[in-house]
Protein backbone atom coordinates (compact mmCIF):
# COMPACT_ATOMS: atom_id res chain seq x y z
CA UNK A 1 23.04 43.09 111.43
CA UNK A 2 23.96 41.45 114.72
CA UNK A 3 20.99 41.12 117.06
CA UNK A 4 21.48 40.18 120.70
CA UNK A 5 18.74 40.19 123.30
CA UNK A 6 18.02 38.32 126.50
CA UNK A 7 16.90 34.82 125.51
CA UNK A 8 17.14 31.40 127.11
CA UNK A 9 17.29 29.59 123.77
CA UNK A 10 19.22 31.94 121.46
CA UNK A 11 22.57 33.67 121.98
CA UNK A 12 22.40 35.88 118.91
CA UNK A 13 21.08 36.27 115.37
CA UNK A 14 22.96 37.72 112.39
CA UNK A 15 20.68 38.93 109.60
CA UNK A 16 21.31 39.73 105.94
CA UNK A 17 18.29 41.67 104.69
CA UNK A 18 19.42 41.87 101.06
CA UNK A 19 20.03 38.12 100.68
CA UNK A 20 17.20 36.96 102.96
CA UNK A 21 19.67 35.00 105.05
CA UNK A 22 19.78 34.51 108.84
CA UNK A 23 22.45 32.91 111.02
CA UNK A 24 21.24 31.74 114.44
CA UNK A 25 23.51 30.75 117.34
CA UNK A 26 21.49 28.74 119.83
CA UNK A 27 22.37 28.59 123.55
CA UNK A 28 23.06 24.84 123.29
CA UNK A 29 26.03 25.51 120.98
CA UNK A 30 24.37 24.78 117.65
CA UNK A 31 24.74 27.32 114.86
CA UNK A 32 22.56 27.31 111.74
CA UNK A 33 22.29 29.33 108.55
CA UNK A 34 18.82 29.71 107.06
CA UNK A 35 18.07 30.97 103.57
CA UNK A 36 14.94 32.23 101.82
CA UNK A 37 13.80 33.99 105.00
CA UNK A 38 11.14 36.65 104.51
CA UNK A 39 12.81 40.03 104.14
CA UNK A 40 9.76 41.63 105.72
CA UNK A 41 10.18 39.38 108.77
CA UNK A 42 13.90 40.25 108.97
CA UNK A 43 13.14 43.97 108.79
CA UNK A 44 10.45 43.56 111.45
CA UNK A 45 12.97 41.87 113.77
CA UNK A 46 15.57 44.58 113.17
CA UNK A 47 13.09 47.42 113.82
CA UNK A 48 11.42 46.01 116.95
CA UNK A 49 13.90 45.80 119.83
CA UNK A 50 11.34 44.25 122.20
CA UNK A 51 10.54 41.26 119.98
CA UNK A 52 11.39 37.87 121.46
CA UNK A 53 14.16 36.10 119.51
CA UNK A 54 12.75 32.66 120.29
CA UNK A 55 9.27 33.64 119.15
CA UNK A 56 10.66 35.18 115.96
CA UNK A 57 12.78 32.11 115.09
CA UNK A 58 9.89 29.70 115.74
CA UNK A 59 7.36 31.77 113.81
CA UNK A 60 9.49 32.85 110.84
CA UNK A 61 12.06 30.06 110.44
CA UNK A 62 11.23 26.77 112.16
CA UNK A 63 7.50 26.77 111.33
CA UNK A 64 7.89 28.18 107.81
CA UNK A 65 7.98 25.75 104.89
CA UNK A 66 9.70 28.16 102.47
CA UNK A 67 12.80 28.59 104.66
CA UNK A 68 15.70 26.24 103.96
CA UNK A 69 18.49 25.21 106.32
CA UNK A 70 21.74 25.89 104.46
CA UNK A 71 23.91 24.18 107.08
CA UNK A 72 24.30 23.66 110.80
CA UNK A 73 27.18 22.86 113.12
CA UNK A 74 27.59 22.11 116.80
CA UNK A 75 30.19 24.69 117.77
CA UNK A 76 30.74 23.23 121.24
CA UNK A 77 31.66 19.82 119.79
CA UNK A 78 33.72 21.35 116.98
CA UNK A 79 35.79 23.46 119.36
CA UNK A 80 36.32 20.55 121.77
CA UNK A 81 37.76 18.32 119.04
């Protein structure tokens, strides 16, 4: 599910509830795929339209030891090359 909300740090999030996977496109041009994300946290994000994307990413991805970064790329640099 594509999730877009007003955020200074995040452009959008794409979630995969069944696989527990989240793709995050940050405002600075970096794009990351995270795996082993809590399915409960993903469902909570999808069901609560007023939830802050930055808060959700910090709480459920960045500050969570079980989540793994599958890969990341700087899209701005990749497109400029």
